[in-house]
Amino acid sequence: FDPNAADPNAADGVTGNAGGGETGLHMSSEDSAESMLPKAVQMNDSLEQPGEVVYPSNAVHSHRYTLLNFLPLQVYEQLNPFSKFANFYFLCVGCLQAVPQISVTGGVPVLLGPLLFVTGVDAITKLYEDWQRRRADAITNRQATHVLDAESGAFEPRRWDEVRVGDIVSVRNREIFPADLLLLGALGPQGIMGHCWVSTKSLDGETDAKLREAPKQAAQRIADEGAEDGLRAMRGRLRCEAPNNITSDFAGLLYLEPKPADSALLPPVRPPGRSSLAVVAPMPEEPEVTPISEDHMLLRGCQLRNTREVYGLVVTAGVQTKIQFAQPVLIPQLAKRATRLGRCLSTALKWLSPVLRLCGGGAGAAGKANVAAEKVSAMTSRVNLDILGICLLLAAITFLGVFLHFDLCNGELAAGHWLWYLSVNHPTDDYGRGLAADVIGERLDNADGSDLCEGGPQLFGTYFLLSYNLIPVSLYVSISMVYLTLSLMMASDLGMYDPSQDQPAVVRTMSLSDELGRISHVLSDKTGTLTANHMRLRRLTVGDNVYGSGAVITGTHTPSGLRRSRSNGGAAGSFLSAGKA
C-alpha cells in the first residue's frame, strides 16, 4: 500500500482523502449560500467568528448625547430652521443688531444673551431626558442571563452586555430573551423536547403564546448526550440573512458537524480496483444542513412561557437585533431640502459624523453612529408654520413702516423743514431754533453722510429691528417647561401605574407626550390586542358534584341530583392539580 499513490478515481471526483469528496461538495453548497446569506455565525466560539467583521456587543444605548457630541448636536438642533424656526429667527435678529447702519442698539447684539439663556434651558431639559434614557439602558444591560462556559462546561451567570454572538445561553421560564437566539432545545416536565412557547407582546402586541421549534438534529443530540455535554460538544456554523428589523421573517441554514463518535464507528472504505490492503480512512458523513426560519428564532424582548428552560445560540446581539435595529440617521431628512445655510450645516455634520461615531460609544465595534435624528412633534411643526406666518406679517408691517416713513419724510422736506433728528439737509426754518450753534455743528460733522430718506434697505432693517418682538423669545423654552411638567405628572399618575409589575409610566421622549391627546380612535383587528385574556374557572361538574361559585352560563336551572361543593377533593382536585401543573 502506497499512501502517496494517485487515486484512480480522482478524475471522477472521488479522492482517497477521508473528507475530500465531502469537503468539495460541502464547500460548493455553502459558497452558493454565502451569496444569499451573507452572515456567518460559528457555534460555540464567540471569540473567533468567521469573517473580518467584528460583531457588536449586546449592550444597547438609546441615549443620544455624550460629553463630546453634546455641544455640536445641541447647536445644530437648537438653531436648525426646520425644527426650531424661532431660534434661527432670533439668531438672525441678533446678527442684524450688530450692523451699525441699521442697529437700534448701537451695534450691540443684545438679543444673543436672552437667546443663549433660552437655548441653555432647553438643552438642560434635553440632557435630563437623555439621562433618563441612560438610566434605563443601564438597568437593561445589567440584567443577568446564563451563558455556557467552554472551559467548565456549565452555565454561568453573565450580564446582558457581556453576551456575544456565538454564545449558547440558557433562559428560564418567564425570563426575557437577551438577544436574537436560535432555539437548540428546551427542557420541559418530561425532559428535553424540541419546542417551547414564547410571548411576543413586546414586538407585535399579541398576548397569546406562540410555538417555536428547534432543529430536530440539535434537539436530538441534546436529548442523547444531556444539555450541558451535548451543547458543549456541538459544533457547526449558521449562515443567515443580514441584520434587519423584519420580525416576521428569517432565513438561514444551519450546518451541524457530525459527532466524532459517529465518524469513528464508520466502516473502512476500500476503493474499487485495489487490493484488500488498499484501505483508506473512513469518510465521515456530510454536515447536516437544516433550513432555519422565523419559527426557530427567539427574538430579543420576547418572554419564555410555559417552558422550564430553553437553550439558544446567539445569532445577533445589541443594536443589530430586530427589536433594536434601526437605520442610523444623523441628520433629519428634512435638512436635505434645506436652504444654503441648512445645507452648510448638513455638510458640517456629515464631516463630523466620524468623530461623533467615535464619541457616541455603545454601538460596539461594528456598530454605526447611534446619534439619531431628533423626534419633532406635530405641535412643534405647527408652531414653526405659525411663526413663519408671523414673519410674513412682520415683513408686511415693516414695508408699511418704510412706506409711511418715505411719505412723511418727503413731505417735510418739500415743506422746507430741517429734519435734524434724522441728520438730513440743513436748517432752513424755525425747526433748528433753540439749539446752540456748536451743537448743530457737531451733529452735522458727526453725520455719516447717509440720507435716511433715501436709504430703503437701511430703513427696512431698522424698522424690522424695531418690531421683531412680535415673536416672543421665550416661546420654545415655555413649551419645553410644559413638556417637562407633563412628563413628571404622567410618571406620578396612579391611573397609569401597573401594580402587577410595579411599573409606572415612563416618558422617553417628552416632546411627544402631547401626541396622546391627539388620539381619537384606536383601530384593531382583534380584541386580544386590547384585553387581558385572563381565563378563570367558573364552574366544573364532575359526576354528581358541581364545583365553583360562578353563575350558570348554559342554563337557567340546576339539574336535580347534583350538589354544590367548594371542596377540591377527589377527582376534581386531581383534575385541577393537573391543570395547574
Protein backbone atom coordinates (compact mmCIF):
# COMPACT_ATOMS: atom_id res chain seq x y z
CA PHE A 1 0.00 0.00 0.00
CA ASP A 2 1.49 3.32 -1.12
CA PRO A 3 -0.12 6.27 0.63
CA ASN A 4 1.36 8.62 -1.98
CA ALA A 5 -0.05 6.71 -4.95
CA ALA A 6 -2.51 8.53 -7.16
CA ASP A 7 -6.15 7.71 -6.76
CA PRO A 8 -7.56 6.26 -10.00
CA ASN A 9 -10.97 7.66 -9.15
CA ALA A 10 -9.67 11.21 -8.74
CA ALA A 11 -10.84 12.11 -12.22
CA ASP A 12 -14.35 11.09 -11.30
CA GLY A 13 -14.39 13.49 -8.38
CA VAL A 14 -13.71 10.85 -5.66
CA THR A 15 -10.47 11.14 -3.73
CA GLY A 16 -8.75 8.97 -1.21
CA ASN A 17 -8.82 11.75 1.34
CA ALA A 18 -11.14 11.00 4.17
CA GLY A 19 -13.01 14.21 3.72
CA GLY A 20 -12.00 15.22 0.21
CA GLY A 21 -15.22 14.46 -1.64
CA GLU A 22 -17.40 15.67 1.21
CA THR A 23 -15.45 18.85 1.60
CA GLY A 24 -15.75 19.74 -2.05
CA LEU A 25 -19.48 19.15 -2.04
CA HIS A 26 -19.98 20.96 1.24
CA MET A 27 -17.90 23.97 0.23
CA SER A 28 -19.71 24.34 -3.07
CA SER A 29 -23.11 24.30 -1.37
CA GLU A 30 -22.01 26.69 1.36
CA ASP A 31 -20.38 29.00 -1.17
CA SER A 32 -23.65 29.22 -3.06
CA ALA A 33 -25.49 30.00 0.19
CA GLU A 34 -22.94 32.67 1.07
CA SER A 35 -24.12 34.92 -1.73
CA MET A 36 -27.70 34.82 -0.45
CA LEU A 37 -26.95 34.51 3.29
CA PRO A 38 -24.04 36.86 3.97
CA LYS A 39 -23.79 36.48 7.76
CA ALA A 40 -21.95 33.53 9.30
CA VAL A 41 -22.07 32.57 12.98
CA GLN A 42 -19.70 29.96 14.40
CA MET A 43 -21.41 27.87 17.05
CA ASN A 44 -19.76 27.61 20.48
CA ASP A 45 -16.98 30.02 19.55
CA SER A 46 -17.88 33.63 20.23
CA LEU A 47 -14.25 34.82 20.15
CA GLU A 48 -13.33 33.51 16.69
CA GLN A 49 -16.23 34.30 14.42
CA PRO A 50 -15.68 33.89 10.66
CA GLY A 51 -15.04 36.90 8.51
CA GLU A 52 -13.30 40.19 9.19
CA VAL A 53 -16.32 41.97 10.67
CA VAL A 54 -16.41 42.04 14.45
CA TYR A 55 -19.97 41.70 15.66
CA PRO A 56 -21.18 44.32 18.13
CA SER A 57 -21.66 43.59 21.78
CA ASN A 58 -25.06 43.05 23.29
CA ALA A 59 -25.02 46.39 25.07
CA VAL A 60 -27.77 48.75 23.93
CA HIS A 61 -27.51 52.52 24.27
CA SER A 62 -30.56 54.54 23.35
CA HIS A 63 -29.16 57.81 24.67
CA ARG A 64 -28.15 60.40 22.11
CA TYR A 65 -25.53 62.55 23.81
CA THR A 66 -22.02 62.11 25.15
CA LEU A 67 -19.53 64.52 26.63
CA LEU A 68 -18.03 65.34 23.23
CA ASN A 69 -21.03 65.39 20.92
CA PHE A 70 -23.50 67.19 23.20
CA LEU A 71 -22.44 70.73 22.30
CA PRO A 72 -22.27 70.37 18.47
CA LEU A 73 -25.53 68.45 18.34
CA GLN A 74 -27.28 71.00 20.52
CA VAL A 75 -26.05 73.85 18.35
CA TYR A 76 -27.45 72.10 15.29
CA GLU A 77 -30.75 71.09 16.90
CA GLN A 78 -31.41 74.43 18.60
CA LEU A 79 -30.61 76.57 15.55
CA ASN A 80 -31.96 74.30 12.81
CA PRO A 81 -34.56 76.37 10.94
CA PHE A 82 -36.56 73.25 10.07
CA SER A 83 -37.04 72.09 13.64
CA LYS A 84 -36.89 75.30 15.69
CA PHE A 85 -37.50 78.21 13.37
CA ALA A 86 -37.90 80.77 16.18
CA ASN A 87 -34.37 80.23 17.49
CA PHE A 88 -32.98 80.63 14.00
CA TYR A 89 -35.07 83.77 13.62
CA PHE A 90 -33.66 85.33 16.79
CA LEU A 91 -30.14 84.39 15.77
CA CYS A 92 -30.63 86.35 12.55
CA VAL A 93 -32.05 89.29 14.54
CA GLY A 94 -29.00 89.24 16.82
CA CYS A 95 -26.70 89.32 13.81
CA LEU A 96 -28.62 92.27 12.34
CA GLN A 97 -28.31 94.13 15.64
CA ALA A 98 -24.53 94.03 15.22
CA VAL A 99 -24.75 96.04 11.95
CA PRO A 100 -24.21 99.74 12.92
CA GLN A 101 -26.05 101.21 9.91
CA ILE A 102 -29.41 99.62 10.86
CA SER A 103 -28.95 98.77 14.53
CA VAL A 104 -31.15 100.45 17.12
CA THR A 105 -28.91 99.22 19.97
CA GLY A 106 -25.69 100.95 18.97
CA GLY A 107 -24.31 97.91 17.15
CA VAL A 108 -24.52 95.68 20.25
CA PRO A 109 -26.31 92.28 19.71
CA VAL A 110 -28.29 92.44 22.94
CA LEU A 111 -30.65 89.65 21.84
CA LEU A 112 -27.94 86.99 21.87
CA GLY A 113 -27.92 86.98 25.68
CA PRO A 114 -31.60 86.02 26.08
CA LEU A 115 -31.27 83.59 23.19
CA LEU A 116 -28.33 81.89 24.89
CA PHE A 117 -30.32 81.61 28.14
CA VAL A 118 -33.37 80.16 26.38
CA THR A 119 -31.39 77.58 24.42
CA GLY A 120 -29.43 76.70 27.55
CA VAL A 121 -32.61 75.93 29.50
CA ASP A 122 -33.89 73.84 26.59
CA ALA A 123 -30.56 71.99 26.42
CA ILE A 124 -30.78 71.22 30.15
CA THR A 125 -34.21 69.63 29.69
CA LYS A 126 -32.85 67.55 26.79
CA LEU A 127 -29.93 66.49 28.97
CA TYR A 128 -32.30 65.41 31.73
CA GLU A 129 -34.36 63.40 29.26
CA ASP A 130 -31.22 61.76 27.89
CA TRP A 131 -30.07 60.96 31.43
CA GLN A 132 -33.34 59.10 31.97
CA ARG A 133 -32.65 57.03 28.85
CA ARG A 134 -29.14 56.30 30.08
CA ARG A 135 -30.53 55.02 33.38
CA ALA A 136 -32.98 52.75 31.56
CA ASP A 137 -30.14 51.44 29.35
CA ALA A 138 -28.02 50.68 32.40
CA ILE A 139 -30.85 48.70 34.01
CA THR A 140 -31.35 46.71 30.80
CA ASN A 141 -27.66 46.00 30.27
CA ARG A 142 -27.20 44.86 33.88
CA GLN A 143 -29.82 42.12 33.65
CA ALA A 144 -28.42 38.63 34.18
CA THR A 145 -28.61 35.57 31.98
CA HIS A 146 -26.78 32.23 31.88
CA VAL A 147 -24.09 31.52 29.28
CA LEU A 148 -22.39 28.18 28.63
CA ASP A 149 -18.74 28.35 29.66
CA ALA A 150 -16.45 26.45 27.29
CA GLU A 151 -13.91 25.54 29.99
CA SER A 152 -16.14 24.48 32.87
CA GLY A 153 -18.95 23.15 30.68
CA ALA A 154 -21.59 24.71 32.91
CA PHE A 155 -23.93 27.64 32.55
CA GLU A 156 -22.62 30.64 34.43
CA PRO A 157 -24.40 33.93 35.14
CA ARG A 158 -23.41 36.82 32.91
CA ARG A 159 -24.71 40.29 32.25
CA TRP A 160 -26.63 41.07 29.09
CA ASP A 161 -23.96 43.43 27.80
CA GLU A 162 -21.37 40.63 28.11
CA VAL A 163 -23.22 38.24 25.79
CA ARG A 164 -21.56 37.77 22.39
CA VAL A 165 -22.58 36.35 19.03
CA GLY A 166 -21.85 32.61 19.04
CA ASP A 167 -22.56 32.08 22.74
CA ILE A 168 -25.04 29.47 23.90
CA VAL A 169 -27.35 30.88 26.56
CA SER A 170 -29.94 29.37 28.86
CA VAL A 171 -33.21 31.20 29.52
CA ARG A 172 -35.63 30.13 32.25
CA ASN A 173 -39.40 30.39 32.35
CA ARG A 174 -40.81 33.95 32.45
CA GLU A 175 -37.41 35.44 31.57
CA ILE A 176 -36.77 37.81 28.65
CA PHE A 177 -34.51 36.70 25.81
CA PRO A 178 -31.31 38.82 25.93
CA ALA A 179 -30.61 38.64 22.16
CA ASP A 180 -31.91 37.08 18.97
CA LEU A 181 -31.44 33.35 19.58
CA LEU A 182 -31.68 30.18 17.52
CA LEU A 183 -33.58 27.62 19.57
CA LEU A 184 -31.45 24.47 20.01
CA GLY A 185 -33.51 22.65 22.61
CA ALA A 186 -35.91 23.06 25.50
CA LEU A 187 -36.35 21.46 28.90
CA GLY A 188 -39.87 20.51 29.92
CA PRO A 189 -41.51 18.38 32.59
CA GLN A 190 -40.73 15.21 30.60
CA GLY A 191 -37.12 16.16 29.83
CA ILE A 192 -35.54 17.53 26.67
CA MET A 193 -38.03 18.49 23.99
CA GLY A 194 -37.83 20.29 20.67
CA HIS A 195 -40.28 23.15 21.14
CA CYS A 196 -41.21 25.95 23.52
CA TRP A 197 -43.77 28.72 23.91
CA VAL A 198 -42.95 32.43 23.78
CA SER A 199 -44.87 35.67 24.26
CA THR A 200 -44.23 38.27 21.55
CA LYS A 201 -46.28 41.04 23.13
CA SER A 202 -43.35 43.47 23.08
CA LEU A 203 -42.98 43.01 19.30
CA ASP A 204 -46.48 42.78 17.83
CA GLY A 205 -48.80 43.31 20.79
CA GLU A 206 -50.17 39.78 20.64
CA THR A 207 -50.95 38.39 24.09
CA ASP A 208 -51.26 34.72 23.15
CA ALA A 209 -48.22 32.45 23.34
CA LYS A 210 -46.60 31.27 20.10
CA LEU A 211 -44.91 27.96 19.38
CA ARG A 212 -41.20 27.89 18.50
CA GLU A 213 -39.44 24.72 17.34
CA ALA A 214 -35.79 23.66 17.50
CA PRO A 215 -33.95 21.92 14.64
CA LYS A 216 -34.51 18.20 15.07
CA GLN A 217 -30.83 17.26 14.80
CA ALA A 218 -29.81 19.73 17.51
CA ALA A 219 -32.63 18.77 19.86
CA GLN A 220 -31.86 15.05 19.35
CA ARG A 221 -28.21 15.49 20.24
CA ILE A 222 -29.09 17.38 23.41
CA ALA A 223 -31.57 14.64 24.34
CA ASP A 224 -28.98 11.89 23.73
CA GLU A 225 -25.98 13.44 25.48
CA GLY A 226 -27.55 15.74 28.02
CA ALA A 227 -27.95 19.50 27.95
CA GLU A 228 -24.51 20.71 29.02
CA ASP A 229 -22.43 17.92 27.44
CA GLY A 230 -24.39 17.94 24.20
CA LEU A 231 -24.22 21.71 23.83
CA ARG A 232 -20.52 21.90 24.63
CA ALA A 233 -19.66 19.20 22.07
CA MET A 234 -21.90 20.66 19.38
CA ARG A 235 -20.01 22.27 16.52
CA GLY A 236 -21.33 23.93 13.39
CA ARG A 237 -21.97 27.11 11.51
CA LEU A 238 -25.07 29.14 10.83
CA ARG A 239 -25.40 31.15 7.65
CA CYS A 240 -28.24 33.63 7.81
CA GLU A 241 -29.57 36.88 6.42
CA ALA A 242 -28.11 40.28 7.19
CA PRO A 243 -29.49 42.10 10.26
CA ASN A 244 -32.83 43.79 9.65
CA ASN A 245 -35.96 44.88 11.51
CA ILE A 246 -38.44 42.46 9.92
CA THR A 247 -39.71 40.43 12.88
CA SER A 248 -41.98 38.14 10.86
CA ASP A 249 -39.31 36.68 8.58
CA PHE A 250 -35.94 34.95 8.89
CA ALA A 251 -33.84 32.88 6.51
CA GLY A 252 -30.81 30.78 7.32
CA LEU A 253 -29.05 27.41 7.01
CA LEU A 254 -27.60 25.52 9.96
CA TYR A 255 -24.58 23.28 9.22
CA LEU A 256 -24.08 20.81 12.09
CA GLU A 257 -20.83 18.85 12.05
CA PRO A 258 -21.18 15.10 12.70
CA LYS A 259 -20.33 13.83 16.14
CA PRO A 260 -16.76 12.49 16.49
CA ALA A 261 -18.11 9.22 17.83
CA ASP A 262 -20.16 8.70 14.68
CA SER A 263 -17.10 9.21 12.46
CA ALA A 264 -15.08 6.66 14.46
CA LEU A 265 -17.74 3.99 14.05
CA LEU A 266 -17.93 4.29 10.26
CA PRO A 267 -16.63 1.17 8.40
CA PRO A 268 -13.34 1.49 6.47
CA VAL A 269 -13.55 2.38 2.81
CA ARG A 270 -11.98 0.05 0.19
CA PRO A 271 -11.66 1.87 -3.15
CA PRO A 272 -12.72 -0.23 -6.14
CA GLY A 273 -9.95 -1.79 -8.26
CA ARG A 274 -7.48 -2.09 -5.38
CA SER A 275 -6.20 -4.96 -3.30
CA SER A 276 -7.53 -5.80 0.11
CA LEU A 277 -4.64 -3.87 1.67
CA ALA A 278 -5.57 -0.65 -0.08
CA VAL A 279 -7.79 0.65 2.70
CA VAL A 280 -8.10 4.35 3.45
CA ALA A 281 -9.54 6.15 6.44
CA PRO A 282 -13.32 6.14 6.83
CA MET A 283 -15.16 9.01 5.19
CA PRO A 284 -17.32 10.93 7.68
CA GLU A 285 -20.82 11.98 6.94
CA GLU A 286 -21.58 15.32 5.39
CA PRO A 287 -22.62 18.16 7.71
CA GLU A 288 -26.29 18.07 8.48
CA VAL A 289 -27.96 21.05 6.82
CA THR A 290 -31.19 22.36 8.30
CA PRO A 291 -33.20 25.32 6.94
CA ILE A 292 -33.89 27.95 9.58
CA SER A 293 -36.99 30.15 9.54
CA GLU A 294 -38.70 32.57 11.91
CA ASP A 295 -40.33 29.58 13.67
CA HIS A 296 -36.90 28.62 15.03
CA MET A 297 -35.98 32.07 16.34
CA LEU A 298 -36.36 33.56 19.82
CA LEU A 299 -36.21 37.33 19.38
CA ARG A 300 -34.91 39.76 21.93
CA GLY A 301 -37.61 41.29 24.09
CA CYS A 302 -39.88 38.24 23.92
CA GLN A 303 -40.67 36.23 27.04
CA LEU A 304 -40.44 32.48 27.58
CA ARG A 305 -43.77 30.99 28.66
CA ASN A 306 -44.94 27.56 29.83
CA THR A 307 -41.45 26.07 29.41
CA ARG A 308 -38.97 25.34 32.17
CA GLU A 309 -35.79 26.25 30.26
CA VAL A 310 -34.53 26.74 26.71
CA TYR A 311 -31.06 26.72 25.12
CA GLY A 312 -30.30 29.04 22.25
CA LEU A 313 -27.44 30.17 20.03
CA VAL A 314 -26.88 33.93 19.94
CA VAL A 315 -27.33 34.95 16.29
CA THR A 316 -27.48 38.74 16.56
CA ALA A 317 -26.82 40.97 19.54
CA GLY A 318 -27.17 44.57 20.60
CA VAL A 319 -28.10 47.17 18.01
CA GLN A 320 -28.41 44.51 15.29
CA THR A 321 -31.30 42.66 16.93
CA LYS A 322 -34.63 43.04 15.23
CA ILE A 323 -36.25 44.97 18.07
CA GLN A 324 -33.33 47.40 18.31
CA PHE A 325 -32.38 47.57 14.64
CA ALA A 326 -32.80 50.96 13.01
CA GLN A 327 -31.04 52.77 10.23
CA PRO A 328 -28.78 55.34 11.94
CA VAL A 329 -29.79 58.79 10.81
CA LEU A 330 -27.54 61.62 11.91
CA ILE A 331 -29.34 64.43 10.11
CA PRO A 332 -33.11 64.64 9.59
CA GLN A 333 -34.36 64.01 6.11
CA LEU A 334 -35.90 67.44 6.10
CA ALA A 335 -32.46 69.01 6.24
CA LYS A 336 -31.73 67.64 2.78
CA ARG A 337 -34.22 70.15 1.39
CA ALA A 338 -32.71 72.99 3.40
CA THR A 339 -31.60 76.37 2.22
CA ARG A 340 -27.95 77.20 1.65
CA LEU A 341 -27.39 77.65 5.36
CA GLY A 342 -29.13 74.39 6.13
CA ARG A 343 -27.01 72.57 3.53
CA CYS A 344 -23.86 74.04 5.06
CA LEU A 345 -24.94 72.76 8.48
CA SER A 346 -25.71 69.34 7.00
CA THR A 347 -22.31 69.18 5.30
CA ALA A 348 -20.55 70.17 8.52
CA LEU A 349 -22.40 67.48 10.48
CA LYS A 350 -21.57 64.88 7.84
CA TRP A 351 -17.89 65.73 8.16
CA LEU A 352 -18.22 65.48 11.93
CA SER A 353 -20.05 62.13 11.80
CA PRO A 354 -16.83 60.01 12.10
CA VAL A 355 -15.90 61.95 15.22
CA LEU A 356 -19.42 61.61 16.60
CA ARG A 357 -19.32 57.89 15.83
CA LEU A 358 -16.18 57.52 17.92
CA CYS A 359 -17.57 59.70 20.68
CA GLY A 360 -21.00 58.08 20.69
CA GLY A 361 -19.82 54.80 22.19
CA GLY A 362 -22.07 51.91 22.99
CA ALA A 363 -22.68 50.84 19.42
CA GLY A 364 -19.99 48.20 19.59
CA ALA A 365 -17.02 47.65 17.40
CA ALA A 366 -19.12 47.15 14.33
CA GLY A 367 -21.93 49.46 15.36
CA LYS A 368 -22.70 52.61 13.47
CA ALA A 369 -23.33 56.07 14.76
CA ASN A 370 -26.16 55.86 17.24
CA VAL A 371 -26.97 59.57 17.02
CA ALA A 372 -30.45 59.52 15.55
CA ALA A 373 -32.46 62.43 14.32
CA GLU A 374 -34.39 64.32 16.96
CA LYS A 375 -38.08 63.49 17.00
CA VAL A 376 -40.22 66.53 16.27
CA SER A 377 -43.82 66.54 17.48
CA ALA A 378 -46.75 67.66 15.38
CA MET A 379 -47.27 70.69 17.62
CA THR A 380 -43.68 71.85 17.06
CA SER A 381 -44.19 71.63 13.31
CA ARG A 382 -47.43 73.58 13.65
CA VAL A 383 -45.67 76.23 15.77
CA ASN A 384 -42.99 76.57 13.09
CA LEU A 385 -45.67 77.20 10.46
CA ASP A 386 -47.35 79.77 12.72
CA ILE A 387 -44.05 81.55 13.27
CA LEU A 388 -43.46 81.61 9.53
CA GLY A 389 -46.85 83.24 9.09
CA ILE A 390 -45.99 85.81 11.78
CA CYS A 391 -42.74 86.56 9.93
CA LEU A 392 -44.72 87.30 6.79
CA LEU A 393 -46.97 89.61 8.81
CA LEU A 394 -43.87 91.24 10.27
CA ALA A 395 -42.48 91.80 6.78
CA ALA A 396 -45.75 93.47 5.76
CA ILE A 397 -45.64 95.75 8.83
CA THR A 398 -42.03 96.65 8.04
CA PHE A 399 -42.87 97.53 4.45
CA LEU A 400 -45.74 99.69 5.71
CA GLY A 401 -43.39 101.48 8.10
CA VAL A 402 -40.88 102.20 5.33
CA PHE A 403 -43.65 103.49 3.06
CA LEU A 404 -45.03 105.83 5.74
CA HIS A 405 -41.50 106.98 6.57
CA PHE A 406 -40.80 107.94 2.98
CA ASP A 407 -44.15 109.70 2.69
CA LEU A 408 -43.65 111.71 5.88
CA CYS A 409 -40.00 112.47 5.22
CA ASN A 410 -40.56 113.67 1.66
CA GLY A 411 -43.50 115.76 2.79
CA GLU A 412 -41.43 117.51 5.47
CA LEU A 413 -38.57 118.15 3.10
CA ALA A 414 -40.96 119.52 0.47
CA ALA A 415 -42.23 121.96 3.10
CA GLY A 416 -38.65 123.11 3.71
CA HIS A 417 -38.36 121.69 7.22
CA TRP A 418 -34.99 120.64 8.61
CA LEU A 419 -35.19 117.09 9.97
CA TRP A 420 -32.21 117.47 12.23
CA TYR A 421 -33.06 114.36 14.24
CA LEU A 422 -32.56 112.34 11.07
CA SER A 423 -29.34 114.14 10.08
CA VAL A 424 -30.93 115.28 6.82
CA ASN A 425 -30.26 118.54 4.92
CA HIS A 426 -29.56 121.89 6.55
CA PRO A 427 -31.64 124.20 8.76
CA THR A 428 -33.94 126.35 6.66
CA ASP A 429 -36.68 127.30 9.11
CA ASP A 430 -37.53 127.57 12.74
CA TYR A 431 -37.14 123.80 13.41
CA GLY A 432 -33.46 124.36 14.21
CA ARG A 433 -34.01 127.25 16.60
CA GLY A 434 -33.38 126.71 20.26
CA LEU A 435 -30.20 124.72 19.72
CA ALA A 436 -26.78 126.11 20.31
CA ALA A 437 -24.65 126.65 17.24
CA ASP A 438 -21.91 124.35 18.47
CA VAL A 439 -24.47 121.52 18.99
CA ILE A 440 -25.81 121.95 15.48
CA GLY A 441 -22.31 121.97 14.05
CA GLU A 442 -21.33 118.88 15.99
CA ARG A 443 -24.35 116.94 14.72
CA LEU A 444 -23.63 117.95 11.16
CA ASP A 445 -19.99 116.95 11.48
CA ASN A 446 -20.87 113.54 13.00
CA ALA A 447 -23.37 112.73 10.28
CA ASP A 448 -22.28 109.68 8.30
CA GLY A 449 -23.48 111.19 5.03
CA SER A 450 -26.29 108.68 4.52
CA ASP A 451 -29.65 110.12 3.69
CA LEU A 452 -32.21 108.14 5.66
CA CYS A 453 -34.98 109.45 3.47
CA GLU A 454 -33.48 107.64 0.51
CA GLY A 455 -31.89 104.53 2.10
CA GLY A 456 -34.61 101.92 1.58
CA PRO A 457 -32.69 98.79 2.65
CA GLN A 458 -31.38 100.50 5.77
CA LEU A 459 -34.86 101.69 6.66
CA PHE A 460 -36.24 98.21 6.17
CA GLY A 461 -33.64 96.73 8.52
CA THR A 462 -34.22 99.45 11.12
CA TYR A 463 -37.99 99.04 11.16
CA PHE A 464 -37.57 95.26 11.26
CA LEU A 465 -35.41 95.54 14.38
CA LEU A 466 -37.97 97.87 15.93
CA SER A 467 -40.80 95.35 15.53
CA TYR A 468 -39.10 91.94 15.84
CA ASN A 469 -40.57 91.49 19.33
CA LEU A 470 -43.80 90.36 17.70
CA ILE A 471 -42.41 86.83 18.21
CA PRO A 472 -41.55 86.09 21.88
CA VAL A 473 -38.01 84.89 22.52
CA SER A 474 -39.18 82.58 25.33
CA LEU A 475 -41.56 80.60 23.12
CA TYR A 476 -39.69 77.30 22.93
CA VAL A 477 -38.45 77.32 26.50
CA SER A 478 -42.04 77.77 27.68
CA ILE A 479 -43.09 74.77 25.58
CA SER A 480 -40.16 72.75 26.98
CA MET A 481 -41.19 73.53 30.55
CA VAL A 482 -44.75 72.43 29.75
CA TYR A 483 -43.40 69.16 28.32
CA LEU A 484 -41.27 68.61 31.43
CA THR A 485 -44.23 69.21 33.73
CA LEU A 486 -46.39 66.83 31.68
CA SER A 487 -43.77 64.08 31.85
CA LEU A 488 -43.46 64.41 35.63
CA MET A 489 -47.24 64.29 36.05
CA MET A 490 -47.52 61.21 33.83
CA ALA A 491 -44.74 59.43 35.75
CA SER A 492 -46.52 60.09 39.07
CA ASP A 493 -50.07 59.37 37.85
CA LEU A 494 -51.55 56.40 39.72
CA GLY A 495 -54.01 55.86 36.91
CA MET A 496 -51.09 54.95 34.63
CA TYR A 497 -49.37 52.74 37.22
CA ASP A 498 -49.31 48.94 36.79
CA PRO A 499 -49.37 47.37 40.29
CA SER A 500 -48.91 43.82 38.99
CA GLN A 501 -45.48 44.65 37.57
CA ASP A 502 -44.71 47.63 39.84
CA GLN A 503 -44.16 49.74 36.73
CA PRO A 504 -45.12 53.41 36.42
CA ALA A 505 -45.46 55.25 33.14
CA VAL A 506 -42.10 56.04 31.53
CA VAL A 507 -41.79 59.06 29.24
CA ARG A 508 -38.79 58.52 26.98
CA THR A 509 -39.42 61.49 24.66
CA MET A 510 -41.04 64.45 26.39
CA SER A 511 -41.74 66.32 23.17
CA LEU A 512 -44.14 63.57 22.05
CA SER A 513 -46.31 63.50 25.18
CA ASP A 514 -48.88 65.85 23.66
CA GLU A 515 -49.43 63.34 20.84
CA LEU A 516 -51.51 61.25 23.27
CA GLY A 517 -54.16 63.95 23.28
CA ARG A 518 -54.48 63.74 19.50
CA ILE A 519 -55.70 60.09 19.56
CA SER A 520 -59.43 59.89 18.84
CA HIS A 521 -59.82 56.30 17.55
CA VAL A 522 -57.98 53.00 18.02
CA LEU A 523 -58.28 50.56 15.11
CA SER A 524 -57.63 46.90 15.92
CA ASP A 525 -58.15 43.65 14.05
CA LYS A 526 -58.98 41.65 17.18
CA THR A 527 -59.96 42.08 20.78
CA GLY A 528 -56.91 40.20 22.03
CA THR A 529 -54.78 43.27 21.46
CA LEU A 530 -56.88 45.37 23.82
CA THR A 531 -57.90 42.87 26.51
CA ALA A 532 -56.00 40.79 29.06
CA ASN A 533 -57.46 37.40 28.02
CA HIS A 534 -57.38 36.03 31.57
CA MET A 535 -59.20 32.68 31.85
CA ARG A 536 -60.84 31.91 35.21
CA LEU A 537 -62.66 28.72 36.28
CA ARG A 538 -66.36 29.48 36.65
CA ARG A 539 -67.96 26.06 37.23
CA LEU A 540 -66.94 22.45 36.92
CA THR A 541 -69.20 19.38 37.05
CA VAL A 542 -67.60 16.02 37.88
CA GLY A 543 -70.01 13.17 38.31
CA ASP A 544 -72.71 14.32 40.69
CA ASN A 545 -70.67 17.20 42.11
CA VAL A 546 -70.64 20.82 40.96
CA TYR A 547 -67.58 22.84 41.83
CA GLY A 548 -67.19 26.59 41.64
CA SER A 549 -69.31 29.54 42.64
CA GLY A 550 -69.80 31.18 39.24
CA ALA A 551 -73.17 31.70 37.63
CA VAL A 552 -74.51 29.00 35.32
CA ILE A 553 -73.98 30.12 31.70
CA THR A 554 -75.59 27.33 29.68
CA GLY A 555 -78.89 27.00 31.50
CA THR A 556 -81.27 28.58 33.95
CA HIS A 557 -81.93 25.51 36.12
CA THR A 558 -79.55 23.32 38.03
CA PRO A 559 -80.05 19.62 37.24
CA SER A 560 -81.57 17.63 40.06
CA GLY A 561 -79.38 15.25 41.99
CA LEU A 562 -76.32 17.50 41.86
CA ARG A 563 -74.89 19.10 44.94
CA ARG A 564 -72.61 22.12 45.12
CA SER A 565 -69.34 21.99 46.94
CA ARG A 566 -66.39 24.29 47.35
CA SER A 567 -64.07 21.44 48.11
CA ASN A 568 -61.38 20.49 45.59
CA GLY A 569 -61.00 16.91 46.73
CA GLY A 570 -61.41 13.68 44.84
CA ALA A 571 -61.42 13.54 41.06
CA ALA A 572 -61.98 17.29 40.72
CA GLY A 573 -58.98 18.01 42.94
CA SER A 574 -56.79 15.81 40.79
CA PHE A 575 -58.11 17.49 37.65
CA LEU A 576 -57.42 20.98 38.99
CA SER A 577 -53.97 19.99 40.25
CA ALA A 578 -53.08 18.63 36.82
CA GLY A 579 -54.35 21.83 35.22
CA LYS A 580 -52.17 23.95 37.49
CA ALA A 581 -49.14 21.84 36.68
